[in-house]
């Protein structure tokens, strides 16, 4: 993915860059997501870089597994995608404003949220992770997370309160899986917030992403640590 395909929302001279992996649906909502972040954060000292993903099921998943819904299997393209973000996207951003000492926060919704979490176990390049409704139901994900050390200091998680109420037996594990992910991160000293939002997986994805980014901005400015993070029901 070349830098020219990325779309920026916000202040390109900001020190805080949210790198968000997106599909076409996400890209259509980026304007409303940026507006929600302006509202929630109360300032515009940030920039969102929307990075398009060509094949959602292949490019964002770390290992192959069979279909969970429909007939499309999942691939093992996450390593290549992460390499592209680190070796192409970030250097391109830094060439635009070489005098700015940026911090990069990796973000994503659904499978892109799973990718963001996985990436944080591979590298310490990111100052934080925003994983909204991440696909932590993915086969062997919790075993992987338990056996490895995450390298990002701050992680935001969220889920819709109806996402685990589904007839699909794999998808129905997502609620317990995200609770377990939250527990593991907190026990390892990571500043981690888990928000529960009203609705199913497809409700208000733009605002859910903005909530995570706003939390990350506040956490950074207030130096929030793992000791004062709680599980929040329905954003309250």
C-alpha atoms as a PDB file:
ATOM      1  CA  UNK A   1       0.000   0.000   0.000  1.00  0.00           C
ATOM      2  CA  UNK A   2       1.514   3.263  -1.026  1.00  0.00           C
ATOM      3  CA  UNK A   3       1.306   6.376   1.048  1.00  0.00           C
ATOM      4  CA  UNK A   4      -0.756   8.176  -1.617  1.00  0.00           C
ATOM      5  CA  UNK A   5      -3.609   5.761  -0.915  1.00  0.00           C
ATOM      6  CA  UNK A   6      -3.806   6.807   2.737  1.00  0.00           C
ATOM      7  CA  UNK A   7      -6.287   9.538   3.621  1.00  0.00           C
ATOM      8  CA  UNK A   8      -5.638  11.972   6.456  1.00  0.00           C
ATOM      9  CA  UNK A   9      -8.275  13.464   8.760  1.00  0.00           C
ATOM     10  CA  UNK A  10      -7.257  16.156  11.221  1.00  0.00           C
ATOM     11  CA  UNK A  11      -4.024  18.069  11.778  1.00  0.00           C
ATOM     12  CA  UNK A  12      -1.198  16.569   9.704  1.00  0.00           C
ATOM     13  CA  UNK A  13       1.318  18.502  11.821  1.00  0.00           C
ATOM     14  CA  UNK A  14       0.139  16.916  15.072  1.00  0.00           C
ATOM     15  CA  UNK A  15       2.412  14.743  17.196  1.00  0.00           C
ATOM     16  CA  UNK A  16      -0.381  12.171  17.667  1.00  0.00           C
ATOM     17  CA  UNK A  17      -1.180   9.997  14.660  1.00  0.00           C
ATOM     18  CA  UNK A  18      -3.881   7.339  14.749  1.00  0.00           C
ATOM     19  CA  UNK A  19      -3.119   4.712  12.100  1.00  0.00           C
ATOM     20  CA  UNK A  20      -6.399   2.990  11.262  1.00  0.00           C
ATOM     21  CA  UNK A  21      -6.698  -0.008   8.936  1.00  0.00           C
ATOM     22  CA  UNK A  22      -9.949   0.397   7.002  1.00  0.00           C
ATOM     23  CA  UNK A  23     -12.196  -1.240   4.428  1.00  0.00           C
ATOM     24  CA  UNK A  24     -14.571   0.613   2.122  1.00  0.00           C
ATOM     25  CA  UNK A  25     -17.330   0.792   4.734  1.00  0.00           C
ATOM     26  CA  UNK A  26     -14.930   2.287   7.295  1.00  0.00           C
ATOM     27  CA  UNK A  27     -13.680   4.841   4.776  1.00  0.00           C
ATOM     28  CA  UNK A  28     -17.215   6.057   4.150  1.00  0.00           C
ATOM     29  CA  UNK A  29     -17.551   6.779   7.888  1.00  0.00           C
ATOM     30  CA  UNK A  30     -14.207   8.516   8.433  1.00  0.00           C
ATOM     31  CA  UNK A  31     -15.699  11.990   8.226  1.00  0.00           C
ATOM     32  CA  UNK A  32     -18.246  11.267  10.952  1.00  0.00           C
ATOM     33  CA  UNK A  33     -15.587   9.462  12.996  1.00  0.00           C
ATOM     34  CA  UNK A  34     -13.321  12.514  12.880  1.00  0.00           C
ATOM     35  CA  UNK A  35     -16.253  14.754  13.837  1.00  0.00           C
ATOM     36  CA  UNK A  36     -17.038  12.489  16.799  1.00  0.00           C
ATOM     37  CA  UNK A  37     -13.414  12.597  17.914  1.00  0.00           C
ATOM     38  CA  UNK A  38     -13.401  16.404  17.785  1.00  0.00           C
ATOM     39  CA  UNK A  39     -16.505  16.376  19.971  1.00  0.00           C
ATOM     40  CA  UNK A  40     -15.238  13.800  22.468  1.00  0.00           C
ATOM     41  CA  UNK A  41     -11.651  15.032  22.730  1.00  0.00           C
ATOM     42  CA  UNK A  42     -12.534  18.722  22.800  1.00  0.00           C
ATOM     43  CA  UNK A  43      -9.552  19.646  20.620  1.00  0.00           C
ATOM     44  CA  UNK A  44      -8.043  18.901  17.202  1.00  0.00           C
ATOM     45  CA  UNK A  45      -4.432  18.137  18.101  1.00  0.00           C
ATOM     46  CA  UNK A  46      -4.449  14.761  16.352  1.00  0.00           C
ATOM     47  CA  UNK A  47      -4.552  13.183  12.936  1.00  0.00           C
ATOM     48  CA  UNK A  48      -6.152   9.966  11.690  1.00  0.00           C
ATOM     49  CA  UNK A  49      -4.473   8.179   8.796  1.00  0.00           C
ATOM     50  CA  UNK A  50      -6.925   5.802   7.112  1.00  0.00           C
ATOM     51  CA  UNK A  51      -4.929   2.939   5.591  1.00  0.00           C
ATOM     52  CA  UNK A  52      -6.922   0.845   3.083  1.00  0.00           C
ATOM     53  CA  UNK A  53      -6.901  -2.950   3.287  1.00  0.00           C
ATOM     54  CA  UNK A  54      -7.244  -4.859   0.031  1.00  0.00           C
ATOM     55  CA  UNK A  55      -8.389  -8.228   1.386  1.00  0.00           C
ATOM     56  CA  UNK A  56      -9.927  -7.988   4.871  1.00  0.00           C
ATOM     57  CA  UNK A  57      -9.847 -11.712   5.723  1.00  0.00           C
ATOM     58  CA  UNK A  58      -6.354 -12.281   4.345  1.00  0.00           C
ATOM     59  CA  UNK A  59      -4.405  -9.121   5.177  1.00  0.00           C
ATOM     60  CA  UNK A  60      -5.399  -8.694   8.826  1.00  0.00           C
ATOM     61  CA  UNK A  61      -5.152 -12.203  10.242  1.00  0.00           C
ATOM     62  CA  UNK A  62      -1.936 -13.731  11.639  1.00  0.00           C
ATOM     63  CA  UNK A  63      -2.546 -17.387  10.799  1.00  0.00           C
ATOM     64  CA  UNK A  64      -4.846 -19.379   8.575  1.00  0.00           C
ATOM     65  CA  UNK A  65      -8.126 -20.810   9.785  1.00  0.00           C
ATOM     66  CA  UNK A  66     -11.374 -21.938   8.223  1.00  0.00           C
ATOM     67  CA  UNK A  67     -14.578 -19.960   7.676  1.00  0.00           C
ATOM     68  CA  UNK A  68     -16.640 -18.801  10.645  1.00  0.00           C
ATOM     69  CA  UNK A  69     -19.480 -17.374   8.590  1.00  0.00           C
ATOM     70  CA  UNK A  70     -20.012 -17.846   4.880  1.00  0.00           C
ATOM     71  CA  UNK A  71     -17.385 -19.682   2.867  1.00  0.00           C
ATOM     72  CA  UNK A  72     -14.381 -17.376   3.009  1.00  0.00           C
ATOM     73  CA  UNK A  73     -11.430 -18.639   5.037  1.00  0.00           C
ATOM     74  CA  UNK A  74      -8.923 -16.456   6.859  1.00  0.00           C
ATOM     75  CA  UNK A  75      -5.333 -15.971   5.749  1.00  0.00           C
ATOM     76  CA  UNK A  76      -1.943 -15.236   7.242  1.00  0.00           C
ATOM     77  CA  UNK A  77      -1.221 -11.804   5.771  1.00  0.00           C
ATOM     78  CA  UNK A  78      -0.923  -9.848   9.029  1.00  0.00           C
ATOM     79  CA  UNK A  79       2.891  -9.963   9.066  1.00  0.00           C
ATOM     80  CA  UNK A  80       3.087  -8.465   5.583  1.00  0.00           C
ATOM     81  CA  UNK A  81       0.568  -5.767   6.498  1.00  0.00           C
ATOM     82  CA  UNK A  82       2.482  -4.833   9.649  1.00  0.00           C
ATOM     83  CA  UNK A  83       5.714  -4.654   7.677  1.00  0.00           C
ATOM     84  CA  UNK A  84       4.020  -2.294   5.218  1.00  0.00           C
ATOM     85  CA  UNK A  85       2.799  -0.031   8.034  1.00  0.00           C
ATOM     86  CA  UNK A  86       6.218   0.159   9.687  1.00  0.00           C
ATOM     87  CA  UNK A  87       8.419   0.311   6.588  1.00  0.00           C
ATOM     88  CA  UNK A  88       6.236   2.312   4.206  1.00  0.00           C
ATOM     89  CA  UNK A  89       3.416   4.229   5.872  1.00  0.00           C
ATOM     90  CA  UNK A  90       5.226   5.573   8.945  1.00  0.00           C
ATOM     91  CA  UNK A  91       8.379   6.665   7.062  1.00  0.00           C
ATOM     92  CA  UNK A  92       6.202   8.398   4.471  1.00  0.00           C
ATOM     93  CA  UNK A  93       4.394  10.300   7.214  1.00  0.00           C
ATOM     94  CA  UNK A  94       7.668  11.321   8.818  1.00  0.00           C
ATOM     95  CA  UNK A  95       9.127  12.582   5.552  1.00  0.00           C
ATOM     96  CA  UNK A  96       6.216  15.017   5.293  1.00  0.00           C
ATOM     97  CA  UNK A  97       7.066  16.674   8.635  1.00  0.00           C
ATOM     98  CA  UNK A  98      10.558  15.550   9.683  1.00  0.00           C
ATOM     99  CA  UNK A  99      10.745  18.048  12.550  1.00  0.00           C
ATOM    100  CA  UNK A 100       7.714  16.556  14.347  1.00  0.00           C
ATOM    101  CA  UNK A 101       8.426  13.877  16.963  1.00  0.00           C
ATOM    102  CA  UNK A 102       5.343  11.751  16.404  1.00  0.00           C
ATOM    103  CA  UNK A 103       3.770   8.972  18.415  1.00  0.00           C
ATOM    104  CA  UNK A 104       1.749   6.417  16.500  1.00  0.00           C
ATOM    105  CA  UNK A 105      -1.325   4.638  17.829  1.00  0.00           C
ATOM    106  CA  UNK A 106      -2.522   1.640  15.848  1.00  0.00           C
ATOM    107  CA  UNK A 107      -6.289   1.346  15.543  1.00  0.00           C
ATOM    108  CA  UNK A 108      -8.904  -0.903  14.027  1.00  0.00           C
ATOM    109  CA  UNK A 109     -12.437  -2.214  14.129  1.00  0.00           C
ATOM    110  CA  UNK A 110     -13.411  -5.889  13.971  1.00  0.00           C
ATOM    111  CA  UNK A 111     -10.630  -7.908  12.282  1.00  0.00           C
ATOM    112  CA  UNK A 112      -8.576  -4.706  12.075  1.00  0.00           C
ATOM    113  CA  UNK A 113      -8.912  -4.494  15.858  1.00  0.00           C
ATOM    114  CA  UNK A 114      -7.551  -8.031  16.162  1.00  0.00           C
ATOM    115  CA  UNK A 115      -4.698  -7.042  13.842  1.00  0.00           C
ATOM    116  CA  UNK A 116      -3.883  -4.016  16.011  1.00  0.00           C
ATOM    117  CA  UNK A 117      -3.721  -6.211  19.109  1.00  0.00           C
ATOM    118  CA  UNK A 118      -1.568  -8.817  17.357  1.00  0.00           C
ATOM    119  CA  UNK A 119       0.788  -6.114  16.073  1.00  0.00           C
ATOM    120  CA  UNK A 120       1.393  -4.918  19.628  1.00  0.00           C
ATOM    121  CA  UNK A 121       2.806  -8.355  20.472  1.00  0.00           C
ATOM    122  CA  UNK A 122       5.275  -8.037  17.576  1.00  0.00           C
ATOM    123  CA  UNK A 123       6.734  -4.565  18.021  1.00  0.00           C
ATOM    124  CA  UNK A 124       7.089  -1.674  20.464  1.00  0.00           C
ATOM    125  CA  UNK A 125       6.669   0.856  17.652  1.00  0.00           C
ATOM    126  CA  UNK A 126       3.180   1.899  18.778  1.00  0.00           C
ATOM    127  CA  UNK A 127       2.432   4.144  21.745  1.00  0.00           C
ATOM    128  CA  UNK A 128      -1.020   2.611  22.108  1.00  0.00           C
ATOM    129  CA  UNK A 129      -3.630   0.323  20.592  1.00  0.00           C
ATOM    130  CA  UNK A 130      -7.304   1.055  19.958  1.00  0.00           C
ATOM    131  CA  UNK A 131      -9.193  -2.185  19.270  1.00  0.00           C
ATOM    132  CA  UNK A 132     -12.927  -1.561  18.919  1.00  0.00           C
ATOM    133  CA  UNK A 133     -15.079  -4.713  18.715  1.00  0.00           C
ATOM    134  CA  UNK A 134     -11.932  -6.736  17.937  1.00  0.00           C
ATOM    135  CA  UNK A 135     -12.298 -10.288  16.634  1.00  0.00           C
ATOM    136  CA  UNK A 136     -10.835 -11.901  19.754  1.00  0.00           C
ATOM    137  CA  UNK A 137     -12.991 -14.952  18.989  1.00  0.00           C
ATOM    138  CA  UNK A 138     -10.356 -15.827  16.387  1.00  0.00           C
ATOM    139  CA  UNK A 139      -9.113 -19.410  16.669  1.00  0.00           C
ATOM    140  CA  UNK A 140      -6.217 -19.794  19.158  1.00  0.00           C
ATOM    141  CA  UNK A 141      -6.045 -16.040  19.779  1.00  0.00           C
ATOM    142  CA  UNK A 142      -6.326 -16.192  23.574  1.00  0.00           C
ATOM    143  CA  UNK A 143      -3.717 -18.958  23.763  1.00  0.00           C
ATOM    144  CA  UNK A 144      -1.397 -16.784  21.711  1.00  0.00           C
ATOM    145  CA  UNK A 145      -2.007 -13.718  23.881  1.00  0.00           C
ATOM    146  CA  UNK A 146      -1.436 -15.722  27.053  1.00  0.00           C
ATOM    147  CA  UNK A 147       1.890 -17.069  25.790  1.00  0.00           C
ATOM    148  CA  UNK A 148       3.341 -13.774  24.517  1.00  0.00           C
ATOM    149  CA  UNK A 149       4.191 -10.341  25.934  1.00  0.00           C
ATOM    150  CA  UNK A 150       2.412  -7.293  24.588  1.00  0.00           C
ATOM    151  CA  UNK A 151       4.722  -4.364  23.848  1.00  0.00           C
ATOM    152  CA  UNK A 152       2.335  -1.390  23.806  1.00  0.00           C
ATOM    153  CA  UNK A 153       1.889   0.495  27.108  1.00  0.00           C
ATOM    154  CA  UNK A 154      -1.780   1.416  26.620  1.00  0.00           C
ATOM    155  CA  UNK A 155      -4.656  -0.555  25.123  1.00  0.00           C
ATOM    156  CA  UNK A 156      -8.301   0.400  24.619  1.00  0.00           C
ATOM    157  CA  UNK A 157     -10.867  -2.360  24.101  1.00  0.00           C
ATOM    158  CA  UNK A 158     -14.588  -2.164  23.453  1.00  0.00           C
ATOM    159  CA  UNK A 159     -17.477  -4.414  22.505  1.00  0.00           C
ATOM    160  CA  UNK A 160     -21.187  -4.093  21.823  1.00  0.00           C
ATOM    161  CA  UNK A 161     -23.338  -5.579  24.572  1.00  0.00           C
ATOM    162  CA  UNK A 162     -25.241  -7.697  22.029  1.00  0.00           C
ATOM    163  CA  UNK A 163     -22.242  -9.065  20.140  1.00  0.00           C
ATOM    164  CA  UNK A 164     -22.012 -12.244  22.213  1.00  0.00           C
ATOM    165  CA  UNK A 165     -25.773 -12.846  21.880  1.00  0.00           C
ATOM    166  CA  UNK A 166     -25.628 -14.693  18.577  1.00  0.00           C
ATOM    167  CA  UNK A 167     -26.439 -18.187  17.342  1.00  0.00           C
ATOM    168  CA  UNK A 168     -23.007 -18.525  15.748  1.00  0.00           C
ATOM    169  CA  UNK A 169     -21.093 -20.625  18.328  1.00  0.00           C
ATOM    170  CA  UNK A 170     -17.704 -19.117  17.478  1.00  0.00           C
ATOM    171  CA  UNK A 171     -18.879 -15.514  17.477  1.00  0.00           C
ATOM    172  CA  UNK A 172     -20.739 -16.105  20.737  1.00  0.00           C
ATOM    173  CA  UNK A 173     -17.395 -16.542  22.520  1.00  0.00           C
ATOM    174  CA  UNK A 174     -16.393 -12.922  21.875  1.00  0.00           C
ATOM    175  CA  UNK A 175     -17.723 -11.560  25.182  1.00  0.00           C
ATOM    176  CA  UNK A 176     -15.798 -13.969  27.391  1.00  0.00           C
ATOM    177  CA  UNK A 177     -12.783 -13.632  25.111  1.00  0.00           C
ATOM    178  CA  UNK A 178     -12.587  -9.856  25.468  1.00  0.00           C
ATOM    179  CA  UNK A 179     -13.046 -10.120  29.236  1.00  0.00           C
ATOM    180  CA  UNK A 180     -10.139 -12.528  29.304  1.00  0.00           C
ATOM    181  CA  UNK A 181      -8.043 -10.258  27.086  1.00  0.00           C
ATOM    182  CA  UNK A 182      -8.737  -7.349  29.425  1.00  0.00           C
ATOM    183  CA  UNK A 183      -7.798  -9.431  32.477  1.00  0.00           C
ATOM    184  CA  UNK A 184      -4.514 -10.571  30.937  1.00  0.00           C
ATOM    185  CA  UNK A 185      -3.476  -7.059  29.977  1.00  0.00           C
ATOM    186  CA  UNK A 186      -4.255  -5.588  33.369  1.00  0.00           C
ATOM    187  CA  UNK A 187      -2.430  -8.372  35.193  1.00  0.00           C
ATOM    188  CA  UNK A 188       0.632  -7.597  33.083  1.00  0.00           C
ATOM    189  CA  UNK A 189       0.593  -3.939  34.043  1.00  0.00           C
ATOM    190  CA  UNK A 190      -0.852  -2.528  30.832  1.00  0.00           C
ATOM    191  CA  UNK A 191      -3.085   0.539  31.092  1.00  0.00           C
ATOM    192  CA  UNK A 192      -6.206  -0.994  29.604  1.00  0.00           C
ATOM    193  CA  UNK A 193      -9.801   0.183  29.341  1.00  0.00           C
ATOM    194  CA  UNK A 194     -12.729  -2.051  28.383  1.00  0.00           C
ATOM    195  CA  UNK A 195     -15.903  -0.230  27.319  1.00  0.00           C
ATOM    196  CA  UNK A 196     -19.231  -1.927  26.656  1.00  0.00           C
ATOM    197  CA  UNK A 197     -21.412  -0.138  24.119  1.00  0.00           C
ATOM    198  CA  UNK A 198     -25.091  -0.690  23.348  1.00  0.00           C
ATOM    199  CA  UNK A 199     -25.843  -2.672  20.228  1.00  0.00           C
ATOM    200  CA  UNK A 200     -24.503  -5.415  18.020  1.00  0.00           C
ATOM    201  CA  UNK A 201     -21.250  -5.590  16.073  1.00  0.00           C
ATOM    202  CA  UNK A 202     -22.439  -3.234  13.344  1.00  0.00           C
ATOM    203  CA  UNK A 203     -23.788  -0.419  15.522  1.00  0.00           C
ATOM    204  CA  UNK A 204     -22.045   2.966  15.580  1.00  0.00           C
ATOM    205  CA  UNK A 205     -18.604   1.754  14.527  1.00  0.00           C
ATOM    206  CA  UNK A 206     -17.456   5.309  13.764  1.00  0.00           C
ATOM    207  CA  UNK A 207     -18.326   6.588  17.234  1.00  0.00           C
ATOM    208  CA  UNK A 208     -16.902   3.493  18.929  1.00  0.00           C
ATOM    209  CA  UNK A 209     -13.604   4.141  17.187  1.00  0.00           C
ATOM    210  CA  UNK A 210     -13.709   7.813  18.177  1.00  0.00           C
ATOM    211  CA  UNK A 211     -14.346   6.871  21.810  1.00  0.00           C
ATOM    212  CA  UNK A 212     -11.231   4.735  21.836  1.00  0.00           C
ATOM    213  CA  UNK A 213      -9.119   7.467  20.280  1.00  0.00           C
ATOM    214  CA  UNK A 214     -10.465  10.054  22.738  1.00  0.00           C
ATOM    215  CA  UNK A 215      -9.609   7.747  25.642  1.00  0.00           C
ATOM    216  CA  UNK A 216      -6.098   7.325  24.273  1.00  0.00           C
ATOM    217  CA  UNK A 217      -5.623  11.090  24.033  1.00  0.00           C
ATOM    218  CA  UNK A 218      -6.847  11.570  27.607  1.00  0.00           C
ATOM    219  CA  UNK A 219      -4.768   8.649  28.883  1.00  0.00           C
ATOM    220  CA  UNK A 220      -1.643  10.135  27.376  1.00  0.00           C
ATOM    221  CA  UNK A 221      -2.238  13.676  28.624  1.00  0.00           C
ATOM    222  CA  UNK A 222      -3.211  12.494  32.122  1.00  0.00           C
ATOM    223  CA  UNK A 223      -0.551   9.759  32.296  1.00  0.00           C
ATOM    224  CA  UNK A 224      -3.183   7.131  33.071  1.00  0.00           C
ATOM    225  CA  UNK A 225      -1.718   3.872  34.365  1.00  0.00           C
ATOM    226  CA  UNK A 226      -3.072   0.363  34.744  1.00  0.00           C
ATOM    227  CA  UNK A 227      -4.074   0.976  38.375  1.00  0.00           C
ATOM    228  CA  UNK A 228      -7.063   3.182  37.634  1.00  0.00           C
ATOM    229  CA  UNK A 229      -8.673   1.440  34.674  1.00  0.00           C
ATOM    230  CA  UNK A 230     -12.100  -0.147  34.987  1.00  0.00           C
ATOM    231  CA  UNK A 231     -14.568  -2.022  32.847  1.00  0.00           C
ATOM    232  CA  UNK A 232     -17.225   0.447  31.728  1.00  0.00           C
ATOM    233  CA  UNK A 233     -20.755  -0.721  30.961  1.00  0.00           C
ATOM    234  CA  UNK A 234     -22.437   1.024  28.017  1.00  0.00           C
ATOM    235  CA  UNK A 235     -19.939   3.857  28.070  1.00  0.00           C
ATOM    236  CA  UNK A 236     -21.032   5.073  31.506  1.00  0.00           C
END
